[in-house]
N, C-alpha and C. Protein backbone atom coordinates (compact mmCIF):
# COMPACT_ATOMS: atom_id res chain seq x y z
N MET A 1 21.88 -21.74 -149.89
CA MET A 1 21.63 -22.10 -148.52
C MET A 1 20.66 -23.27 -148.46
N LYS A 2 19.69 -23.25 -149.36
CA LYS A 2 18.72 -24.34 -149.37
C LYS A 2 19.41 -25.68 -149.59
N ASN A 3 20.40 -25.73 -150.48
CA ASN A 3 21.14 -26.97 -150.70
C ASN A 3 21.86 -27.39 -149.44
N PHE A 4 22.45 -26.43 -148.76
CA PHE A 4 23.15 -26.75 -147.54
C PHE A 4 22.18 -27.28 -146.50
N LEU A 5 21.02 -26.63 -146.38
CA LEU A 5 20.02 -27.12 -145.44
C LEU A 5 19.56 -28.51 -145.80
N THR A 6 19.39 -28.79 -147.07
CA THR A 6 18.99 -30.12 -147.48
C THR A 6 20.02 -31.13 -147.06
N LEU A 7 21.30 -30.83 -147.27
CA LEU A 7 22.35 -31.76 -146.88
C LEU A 7 22.40 -31.94 -145.38
N MET A 8 22.29 -30.85 -144.65
CA MET A 8 22.31 -30.94 -143.20
C MET A 8 21.09 -31.70 -142.70
N THR A 9 19.94 -31.48 -143.32
CA THR A 9 18.73 -32.19 -142.94
C THR A 9 18.91 -33.67 -143.16
N GLY A 10 19.49 -34.03 -144.30
CA GLY A 10 19.71 -35.45 -144.58
C GLY A 10 20.61 -36.08 -143.55
N ALA A 11 21.65 -35.39 -143.15
CA ALA A 11 22.56 -35.92 -142.13
C ALA A 11 21.84 -36.10 -140.80
N ALA A 12 21.03 -35.11 -140.43
CA ALA A 12 20.28 -35.21 -139.17
C ALA A 12 19.27 -36.35 -139.22
N LEU A 13 18.62 -36.51 -140.35
CA LEU A 13 17.63 -37.57 -140.47
C LEU A 13 18.27 -38.94 -140.44
N LEU A 14 19.43 -39.06 -141.04
CA LEU A 14 20.12 -40.35 -141.02
C LEU A 14 20.49 -40.75 -139.61
N ALA A 15 20.89 -39.79 -138.82
CA ALA A 15 21.25 -40.09 -137.45
C ALA A 15 20.03 -40.53 -136.65
N ALA A 16 18.85 -40.06 -137.05
CA ALA A 16 17.62 -40.39 -136.33
C ALA A 16 16.94 -41.64 -136.88
N THR A 17 17.36 -42.14 -138.03
CA THR A 17 16.71 -43.30 -138.64
C THR A 17 17.28 -44.58 -138.04
N PRO A 18 16.41 -45.42 -137.43
CA PRO A 18 16.93 -46.65 -136.83
C PRO A 18 17.37 -47.64 -137.90
N ALA A 19 18.34 -48.46 -137.54
CA ALA A 19 18.82 -49.50 -138.47
C ALA A 19 17.77 -50.59 -138.59
N LEU A 20 17.64 -51.15 -139.78
CA LEU A 20 16.66 -52.20 -140.01
C LEU A 20 17.21 -53.58 -139.65
N ALA A 21 18.52 -53.74 -139.67
CA ALA A 21 19.12 -55.04 -139.37
C ALA A 21 20.50 -54.82 -138.80
N GLN A 22 21.04 -55.83 -138.15
CA GLN A 22 22.37 -55.73 -137.58
C GLN A 22 23.44 -55.73 -138.67
N ASP A 23 23.24 -56.50 -139.73
CA ASP A 23 24.20 -56.56 -140.82
C ASP A 23 23.96 -55.41 -141.78
N ALA A 24 24.98 -55.05 -142.53
CA ALA A 24 24.85 -53.97 -143.50
C ALA A 24 23.82 -54.35 -144.56
N ALA A 25 22.88 -53.45 -144.79
CA ALA A 25 21.84 -53.69 -145.79
C ALA A 25 22.42 -53.45 -147.17
N PRO A 26 21.96 -54.19 -148.16
CA PRO A 26 22.45 -53.95 -149.52
C PRO A 26 21.99 -52.57 -150.00
N THR A 27 22.81 -51.94 -150.80
CA THR A 27 22.47 -50.64 -151.35
C THR A 27 21.33 -50.80 -152.34
N VAL A 28 20.35 -49.93 -152.23
CA VAL A 28 19.17 -49.97 -153.10
C VAL A 28 19.42 -49.02 -154.26
N GLU A 29 19.07 -49.45 -155.45
CA GLU A 29 19.20 -48.58 -156.63
C GLU A 29 17.98 -47.68 -156.71
N ALA A 30 18.19 -46.39 -156.55
CA ALA A 30 17.11 -45.41 -156.63
C ALA A 30 17.17 -44.72 -157.98
N GLU A 31 15.99 -44.45 -158.52
CA GLU A 31 15.89 -43.74 -159.80
C GLU A 31 14.91 -42.59 -159.65
N VAL A 32 15.19 -41.50 -160.36
CA VAL A 32 14.31 -40.33 -160.34
C VAL A 32 12.89 -40.76 -160.71
N GLY A 33 11.94 -40.28 -159.92
CA GLY A 33 10.53 -40.58 -160.17
C GLY A 33 9.98 -41.75 -159.37
N MET A 34 10.85 -42.55 -158.77
CA MET A 34 10.37 -43.69 -157.98
C MET A 34 9.58 -43.20 -156.77
N MET A 35 8.56 -43.93 -156.41
CA MET A 35 7.78 -43.62 -155.21
C MET A 35 8.55 -44.06 -153.98
N VAL A 36 8.40 -43.30 -152.91
CA VAL A 36 8.99 -43.64 -151.62
C VAL A 36 7.84 -43.78 -150.63
N TYR A 37 7.86 -44.90 -149.91
CA TYR A 37 6.80 -45.23 -148.96
C TYR A 37 7.35 -45.25 -147.55
N GLY A 38 6.45 -45.03 -146.59
CA GLY A 38 6.82 -45.07 -145.19
C GLY A 38 6.72 -46.47 -144.62
N PRO A 39 6.91 -46.61 -143.30
CA PRO A 39 6.95 -47.92 -142.68
C PRO A 39 5.62 -48.69 -142.76
N ASN A 40 4.52 -47.99 -142.89
CA ASN A 40 3.21 -48.64 -142.98
C ASN A 40 2.67 -48.67 -144.41
N GLY A 41 3.54 -48.36 -145.37
CA GLY A 41 3.13 -48.40 -146.77
C GLY A 41 2.52 -47.12 -147.31
N GLY A 42 2.39 -46.09 -146.49
CA GLY A 42 1.84 -44.81 -146.94
C GLY A 42 2.86 -44.06 -147.78
N GLU A 43 2.36 -43.30 -148.77
CA GLU A 43 3.25 -42.53 -149.65
C GLU A 43 3.95 -41.42 -148.86
N VAL A 44 5.27 -41.32 -149.06
CA VAL A 44 6.07 -40.26 -148.46
C VAL A 44 6.41 -39.21 -149.51
N GLY A 45 6.74 -39.66 -150.72
CA GLY A 45 7.08 -38.73 -151.79
C GLY A 45 7.70 -39.48 -152.95
N THR A 46 8.46 -38.74 -153.75
CA THR A 46 9.13 -39.34 -154.91
C THR A 46 10.61 -38.99 -154.89
N VAL A 47 11.38 -39.80 -155.58
CA VAL A 47 12.81 -39.53 -155.72
C VAL A 47 12.95 -38.36 -156.70
N ASP A 48 13.54 -37.28 -156.21
CA ASP A 48 13.72 -36.06 -157.00
C ASP A 48 15.05 -36.09 -157.76
N SER A 49 16.10 -36.61 -157.10
CA SER A 49 17.40 -36.72 -157.73
C SER A 49 18.23 -37.74 -156.98
N VAL A 50 19.26 -38.22 -157.66
CA VAL A 50 20.18 -39.19 -157.08
C VAL A 50 21.59 -38.75 -157.42
N SER A 51 22.45 -38.69 -156.40
CA SER A 51 23.86 -38.38 -156.64
C SER A 51 24.69 -39.22 -155.70
N GLU A 52 25.96 -39.14 -155.80
CA GLU A 52 26.89 -39.96 -155.04
C GLU A 52 26.48 -40.15 -153.58
N GLY A 53 25.87 -41.27 -153.28
CA GLY A 53 25.53 -41.61 -151.91
C GLY A 53 24.30 -40.94 -151.33
N ALA A 54 23.61 -40.10 -152.10
CA ALA A 54 22.45 -39.39 -151.57
C ALA A 54 21.27 -39.49 -152.54
N VAL A 55 20.10 -39.62 -151.95
CA VAL A 55 18.85 -39.64 -152.71
C VAL A 55 17.99 -38.51 -152.15
N VAL A 56 17.55 -37.60 -153.02
CA VAL A 56 16.70 -36.50 -152.59
C VAL A 56 15.25 -36.92 -152.76
N VAL A 57 14.53 -36.89 -151.64
CA VAL A 57 13.11 -37.24 -151.63
C VAL A 57 12.30 -35.96 -151.58
N ASN A 58 11.35 -35.83 -152.51
CA ASN A 58 10.44 -34.68 -152.57
C ASN A 58 9.10 -35.13 -152.00
N THR A 59 8.71 -34.56 -150.86
CA THR A 59 7.45 -34.93 -150.22
C THR A 59 6.26 -34.17 -150.80
N GLY A 60 6.55 -33.21 -151.67
CA GLY A 60 5.51 -32.32 -152.16
C GLY A 60 5.48 -31.03 -151.37
N THR A 61 6.03 -31.07 -150.18
CA THR A 61 6.13 -29.90 -149.31
C THR A 61 7.58 -29.50 -149.12
N ASN A 62 8.44 -30.48 -148.96
CA ASN A 62 9.86 -30.28 -148.69
C ASN A 62 10.69 -31.28 -149.47
N LYS A 63 12.01 -31.07 -149.45
CA LYS A 63 12.95 -32.01 -150.05
C LYS A 63 14.00 -32.34 -148.99
N ALA A 64 14.40 -33.62 -148.96
CA ALA A 64 15.44 -34.06 -148.02
C ALA A 64 16.40 -34.99 -148.73
N ALA A 65 17.68 -34.79 -148.49
CA ALA A 65 18.71 -35.69 -149.03
C ALA A 65 18.98 -36.76 -147.98
N LEU A 66 18.78 -38.01 -148.36
CA LEU A 66 19.02 -39.14 -147.47
C LEU A 66 20.06 -40.05 -148.10
N ALA A 67 20.86 -40.70 -147.26
CA ALA A 67 21.86 -41.64 -147.76
C ALA A 67 21.16 -42.84 -148.38
N THR A 68 21.79 -43.43 -149.37
CA THR A 68 21.17 -44.56 -150.06
C THR A 68 20.89 -45.72 -149.13
N ASP A 69 21.66 -45.86 -148.05
CA ASP A 69 21.41 -46.97 -147.13
C ASP A 69 20.23 -46.73 -146.19
N ALA A 70 19.56 -45.59 -146.30
CA ALA A 70 18.35 -45.32 -145.53
C ALA A 70 17.13 -45.95 -146.18
N PHE A 71 17.30 -46.50 -147.38
CA PHE A 71 16.18 -47.04 -148.16
C PHE A 71 16.20 -48.56 -148.22
N ALA A 72 15.01 -49.11 -148.35
CA ALA A 72 14.85 -50.54 -148.62
C ALA A 72 13.97 -50.65 -149.86
N LYS A 73 14.06 -51.76 -150.53
CA LYS A 73 13.23 -52.00 -151.72
C LYS A 73 11.80 -52.27 -151.26
N ALA A 74 10.85 -51.60 -151.87
CA ALA A 74 9.43 -51.83 -151.61
C ALA A 74 8.81 -52.43 -152.86
N GLU A 75 7.61 -52.95 -152.73
CA GLU A 75 6.95 -53.60 -153.86
C GLU A 75 6.80 -52.65 -155.06
N ASN A 76 6.46 -51.40 -154.79
CA ASN A 76 6.22 -50.44 -155.88
C ASN A 76 7.24 -49.30 -155.92
N GLY A 77 8.36 -49.46 -155.25
CA GLY A 77 9.35 -48.38 -155.23
C GLY A 77 10.35 -48.61 -154.11
N LEU A 78 10.49 -47.59 -153.25
CA LEU A 78 11.43 -47.64 -152.13
C LEU A 78 10.68 -47.36 -150.83
N SER A 79 11.28 -47.76 -149.71
CA SER A 79 10.67 -47.43 -148.43
C SER A 79 11.73 -46.87 -147.48
N ILE A 80 11.27 -46.05 -146.55
CA ILE A 80 12.11 -45.51 -145.48
C ILE A 80 11.37 -45.72 -144.16
N MET A 81 12.04 -45.48 -143.07
CA MET A 81 11.47 -45.71 -141.75
C MET A 81 10.77 -44.49 -141.17
N MET A 82 10.31 -43.57 -142.03
CA MET A 82 9.59 -42.38 -141.58
C MET A 82 8.35 -42.20 -142.43
N THR A 83 7.31 -41.67 -141.81
CA THR A 83 6.11 -41.31 -142.57
C THR A 83 6.34 -39.94 -143.22
N LYS A 84 5.47 -39.54 -144.13
CA LYS A 84 5.56 -38.22 -144.75
C LYS A 84 5.49 -37.13 -143.69
N VAL A 85 4.57 -37.28 -142.75
CA VAL A 85 4.41 -36.28 -141.69
C VAL A 85 5.70 -36.18 -140.87
N ASP A 86 6.29 -37.34 -140.52
CA ASP A 86 7.52 -37.33 -139.73
C ASP A 86 8.69 -36.72 -140.51
N LEU A 87 8.80 -37.06 -141.80
CA LEU A 87 9.89 -36.53 -142.62
C LEU A 87 9.74 -35.02 -142.78
N ASP A 88 8.53 -34.55 -143.11
CA ASP A 88 8.30 -33.11 -143.24
C ASP A 88 8.61 -32.38 -141.93
N ALA A 89 8.19 -32.96 -140.80
CA ALA A 89 8.45 -32.33 -139.50
C ALA A 89 9.96 -32.27 -139.22
N ALA A 90 10.68 -33.33 -139.55
CA ALA A 90 12.13 -33.35 -139.33
C ALA A 90 12.83 -32.32 -140.21
N ILE A 91 12.40 -32.21 -141.46
CA ILE A 91 13.00 -31.22 -142.37
C ILE A 91 12.75 -29.81 -141.85
N GLU A 92 11.52 -29.53 -141.46
CA GLU A 92 11.16 -28.19 -140.99
C GLU A 92 11.89 -27.86 -139.68
N LYS A 93 12.04 -28.84 -138.80
CA LYS A 93 12.78 -28.61 -137.55
C LYS A 93 14.25 -28.34 -137.85
N ALA A 94 14.84 -29.12 -138.75
CA ALA A 94 16.24 -28.90 -139.10
C ALA A 94 16.44 -27.52 -139.72
N ALA A 95 15.52 -27.09 -140.57
CA ALA A 95 15.61 -25.76 -141.18
C ALA A 95 15.48 -24.66 -140.12
N ALA A 96 14.54 -24.83 -139.19
CA ALA A 96 14.36 -23.84 -138.12
C ALA A 96 15.59 -23.79 -137.21
N ASP A 97 16.14 -24.96 -136.89
CA ASP A 97 17.35 -25.01 -136.05
C ASP A 97 18.52 -24.33 -136.75
N ALA A 98 18.67 -24.59 -138.06
CA ALA A 98 19.76 -23.98 -138.82
C ALA A 98 19.60 -22.46 -138.88
N LYS A 99 18.37 -21.99 -139.05
CA LYS A 99 18.12 -20.55 -139.11
C LYS A 99 18.43 -19.91 -137.76
N ALA A 100 18.00 -20.55 -136.68
CA ALA A 100 18.27 -20.01 -135.34
C ALA A 100 19.77 -19.95 -135.08
N LYS A 101 20.49 -20.99 -135.48
CA LYS A 101 21.94 -21.02 -135.29
C LYS A 101 22.60 -19.91 -136.10
N LEU A 102 22.14 -19.71 -137.34
CA LEU A 102 22.69 -18.64 -138.17
C LEU A 102 22.44 -17.28 -137.53
N ILE A 103 21.21 -17.02 -137.14
CA ILE A 103 20.88 -15.72 -136.54
C ILE A 103 21.72 -15.47 -135.29
N ALA A 104 21.92 -16.52 -134.49
CA ALA A 104 22.74 -16.36 -133.29
C ALA A 104 24.20 -16.05 -133.63
N SER A 105 24.66 -16.49 -134.79
CA SER A 105 26.05 -16.25 -135.18
C SER A 105 26.28 -14.89 -135.81
N LEU A 106 25.23 -14.17 -136.12
CA LEU A 106 25.37 -12.85 -136.76
C LEU A 106 25.59 -11.77 -135.69
N MET A 107 26.74 -11.83 -135.08
CA MET A 107 27.08 -10.92 -133.99
C MET A 107 28.17 -9.94 -134.42
N PRO A 108 28.16 -8.73 -133.84
CA PRO A 108 29.22 -7.78 -134.15
C PRO A 108 30.60 -8.41 -133.93
N GLY A 109 31.50 -8.14 -134.87
CA GLY A 109 32.84 -8.68 -134.81
C GLY A 109 33.01 -9.96 -135.63
N THR A 110 31.91 -10.54 -136.07
CA THR A 110 31.99 -11.78 -136.85
C THR A 110 32.41 -11.47 -138.28
N GLU A 111 33.38 -12.22 -138.75
CA GLU A 111 33.87 -12.09 -140.12
C GLU A 111 32.85 -12.71 -141.08
N VAL A 112 32.64 -12.06 -142.23
CA VAL A 112 31.70 -12.53 -143.24
C VAL A 112 32.48 -12.84 -144.51
N LYS A 113 32.25 -14.06 -145.04
CA LYS A 113 32.96 -14.49 -146.25
C LYS A 113 32.01 -14.54 -147.44
N SER A 114 32.60 -14.66 -148.63
CA SER A 114 31.80 -14.82 -149.85
C SER A 114 31.17 -16.20 -149.84
N VAL A 115 30.28 -16.46 -150.78
CA VAL A 115 29.57 -17.74 -150.86
C VAL A 115 30.55 -18.90 -151.02
N THR A 116 31.67 -18.66 -151.65
CA THR A 116 32.67 -19.71 -151.84
C THR A 116 33.56 -19.88 -150.61
N GLY A 117 33.53 -18.92 -149.71
CA GLY A 117 34.37 -18.96 -148.53
C GLY A 117 35.79 -18.50 -148.79
N ALA A 118 36.08 -18.16 -150.04
CA ALA A 118 37.44 -17.80 -150.43
C ALA A 118 37.81 -16.37 -150.05
N ALA A 119 36.84 -15.47 -150.02
CA ALA A 119 37.15 -14.07 -149.78
C ALA A 119 36.40 -13.56 -148.55
N VAL A 120 37.06 -12.68 -147.79
CA VAL A 120 36.40 -12.03 -146.66
C VAL A 120 35.72 -10.78 -147.19
N ILE A 121 34.43 -10.68 -146.98
CA ILE A 121 33.63 -9.55 -147.44
C ILE A 121 33.74 -8.39 -146.46
N GLY A 122 33.77 -8.71 -145.18
CA GLY A 122 33.84 -7.67 -144.15
C GLY A 122 33.57 -8.25 -142.78
N THR A 123 33.24 -7.36 -141.85
CA THR A 123 32.96 -7.74 -140.47
C THR A 123 31.63 -7.14 -140.04
N ILE A 124 30.83 -7.93 -139.35
CA ILE A 124 29.54 -7.45 -138.86
C ILE A 124 29.77 -6.39 -137.80
N THR A 125 29.05 -5.25 -137.95
CA THR A 125 29.14 -4.17 -136.96
C THR A 125 27.87 -4.06 -136.12
N GLU A 126 26.72 -4.41 -136.72
CA GLU A 126 25.47 -4.39 -135.96
C GLU A 126 24.41 -5.25 -136.64
N LYS A 127 23.37 -5.59 -135.84
CA LYS A 127 22.28 -6.42 -136.34
C LYS A 127 21.00 -6.00 -135.65
N ASP A 128 19.89 -6.01 -136.42
CA ASP A 128 18.57 -5.83 -135.82
C ASP A 128 17.70 -7.00 -136.25
N ALA A 129 16.41 -6.92 -136.10
CA ALA A 129 15.53 -8.04 -136.40
C ALA A 129 15.48 -8.39 -137.89
N GLU A 130 15.82 -7.44 -138.77
CA GLU A 130 15.72 -7.68 -140.20
C GLU A 130 17.03 -7.55 -140.97
N TYR A 131 17.95 -6.73 -140.47
CA TYR A 131 19.15 -6.41 -141.23
C TYR A 131 20.43 -6.60 -140.41
N VAL A 132 21.51 -6.81 -141.17
CA VAL A 132 22.85 -6.91 -140.59
C VAL A 132 23.71 -5.90 -141.33
N THR A 133 24.47 -5.12 -140.58
CA THR A 133 25.38 -4.15 -141.19
C THR A 133 26.79 -4.73 -141.16
N VAL A 134 27.42 -4.71 -142.34
CA VAL A 134 28.76 -5.24 -142.51
C VAL A 134 29.70 -4.09 -142.89
N ASP A 135 30.84 -4.01 -142.20
CA ASP A 135 31.87 -3.05 -142.57
C ASP A 135 32.69 -3.68 -143.68
N HIS A 136 32.57 -3.10 -144.88
CA HIS A 136 33.30 -3.58 -146.05
C HIS A 136 34.29 -2.50 -146.47
N ASN A 137 35.55 -2.68 -146.09
CA ASN A 137 36.60 -1.71 -146.41
C ASN A 137 36.23 -0.30 -145.99
N GLY A 138 35.69 -0.16 -144.76
CA GLY A 138 35.33 1.14 -144.23
C GLY A 138 33.97 1.64 -144.65
N GLN A 139 33.26 0.90 -145.48
CA GLN A 139 31.92 1.29 -145.92
C GLN A 139 30.89 0.39 -145.24
N ALA A 140 29.88 1.01 -144.61
CA ALA A 140 28.81 0.25 -143.96
C ALA A 140 27.82 -0.23 -145.02
N VAL A 141 27.63 -1.55 -145.09
CA VAL A 141 26.71 -2.14 -146.06
C VAL A 141 25.63 -2.88 -145.27
N LYS A 142 24.38 -2.47 -145.46
CA LYS A 142 23.25 -3.06 -144.75
C LYS A 142 22.61 -4.13 -145.63
N LEU A 143 22.56 -5.37 -145.11
CA LEU A 143 22.03 -6.51 -145.86
C LEU A 143 20.90 -7.18 -145.08
N PRO A 144 19.91 -7.72 -145.78
CA PRO A 144 18.86 -8.46 -145.08
C PRO A 144 19.43 -9.76 -144.52
N ILE A 145 18.88 -10.22 -143.41
CA ILE A 145 19.35 -11.46 -142.79
C ILE A 145 19.31 -12.62 -143.79
N ALA A 146 18.34 -12.61 -144.70
CA ALA A 146 18.21 -13.69 -145.69
C ALA A 146 19.42 -13.77 -146.62
N ALA A 147 20.25 -12.75 -146.66
CA ALA A 147 21.44 -12.77 -147.52
C ALA A 147 22.59 -13.56 -146.91
N PHE A 148 22.43 -14.01 -145.66
CA PHE A 148 23.50 -14.71 -144.96
C PHE A 148 23.24 -16.21 -144.90
N MET A 149 24.35 -16.94 -144.73
CA MET A 149 24.28 -18.40 -144.64
C MET A 149 25.40 -18.89 -143.73
N THR A 150 25.21 -20.10 -143.23
CA THR A 150 26.28 -20.75 -142.49
C THR A 150 26.99 -21.66 -143.48
N GLN A 151 28.29 -21.53 -143.57
CA GLN A 151 29.06 -22.35 -144.50
C GLN A 151 29.40 -23.70 -143.86
N ALA A 152 29.84 -24.62 -144.66
CA ALA A 152 30.13 -25.98 -144.20
C ALA A 152 31.11 -26.00 -143.03
N ASP A 153 32.05 -25.06 -142.99
CA ASP A 153 33.03 -25.02 -141.91
C ASP A 153 32.53 -24.24 -140.69
N GLY A 154 31.25 -23.79 -140.74
CA GLY A 154 30.67 -23.05 -139.64
C GLY A 154 30.83 -21.55 -139.75
N ALA A 155 31.60 -21.08 -140.72
CA ALA A 155 31.80 -19.65 -140.91
C ALA A 155 30.52 -19.00 -141.44
N VAL A 156 30.41 -17.70 -141.22
CA VAL A 156 29.28 -16.93 -141.75
C VAL A 156 29.64 -16.47 -143.15
N GLY A 157 28.71 -16.63 -144.07
CA GLY A 157 28.93 -16.18 -145.44
C GLY A 157 27.70 -15.45 -145.96
N ILE A 158 27.86 -14.87 -147.13
CA ILE A 158 26.72 -14.27 -147.82
C ILE A 158 26.47 -15.11 -149.07
N THR A 159 25.32 -14.92 -149.65
CA THR A 159 24.92 -15.73 -150.80
C THR A 159 25.39 -15.14 -152.12
N MET A 160 26.55 -14.46 -152.10
CA MET A 160 27.14 -13.85 -153.30
C MET A 160 28.62 -14.15 -153.36
N THR A 161 29.15 -14.15 -154.56
CA THR A 161 30.60 -14.23 -154.71
C THR A 161 31.18 -12.85 -154.37
N GLU A 162 32.48 -12.78 -154.25
CA GLU A 162 33.13 -11.48 -153.98
C GLU A 162 32.83 -10.49 -155.11
N ALA A 163 32.91 -10.96 -156.35
CA ALA A 163 32.66 -10.08 -157.50
C ALA A 163 31.22 -9.59 -157.52
N GLU A 164 30.25 -10.47 -157.23
CA GLU A 164 28.84 -10.05 -157.19
C GLU A 164 28.60 -9.03 -156.09
N PHE A 165 29.20 -9.25 -154.93
CA PHE A 165 29.06 -8.32 -153.82
C PHE A 165 29.65 -6.97 -154.16
N THR A 166 30.86 -6.97 -154.69
CA THR A 166 31.53 -5.72 -155.06
C THR A 166 30.71 -4.95 -156.09
N ALA A 167 30.17 -5.65 -157.08
CA ALA A 167 29.33 -5.00 -158.10
C ALA A 167 28.07 -4.42 -157.49
N ALA A 168 27.45 -5.16 -156.57
CA ALA A 168 26.22 -4.69 -155.93
C ALA A 168 26.48 -3.45 -155.09
N VAL A 169 27.58 -3.44 -154.36
CA VAL A 169 27.93 -2.28 -153.53
C VAL A 169 28.24 -1.07 -154.41
N ALA A 170 28.88 -1.33 -155.57
CA ALA A 170 29.22 -0.24 -156.49
C ALA A 170 28.01 0.23 -157.28
N GLY A 171 26.92 -0.53 -157.23
CA GLY A 171 25.72 -0.15 -157.97
C GLY A 171 25.77 -0.50 -159.43
N THR A 172 26.62 -1.46 -159.80
CA THR A 172 26.70 -1.85 -161.21
C THR A 172 26.02 -3.18 -161.45
């Protein structure tokens, strides 16, 4: 779920980051360990990882995946249009929004899928402040809210594969 939140946070932050120029900016080469600075030159964090089109920035408090075109070359590393405080606040807001959306979706009658989305685990029958009960083949299984996630397609899932869930329910 954390990876999903990071990706969703990056997408939200990109939408909020103003463009630096009218023309397309050249892609900046980011490397793990590079410093990332804010608009006034203050340290924001370091590059934690780089993958196809995304750079993960570690602020020391949070991590956010940003598109490579959100960066500009700085004298001692890279720069973005957000301060550390602004980036951390955006990440935390995105995480809180995602959690609220997930909790709102945990309603009776909602289908629950495995972490891969390939298998249906069961259907939610009830929810309280801490737990969600899922009907799994006629058996009531009570799971903590933290075991649930929103999948990329918006479906509700759990943080286990079908085999892991089945083994856990069987006590093996």
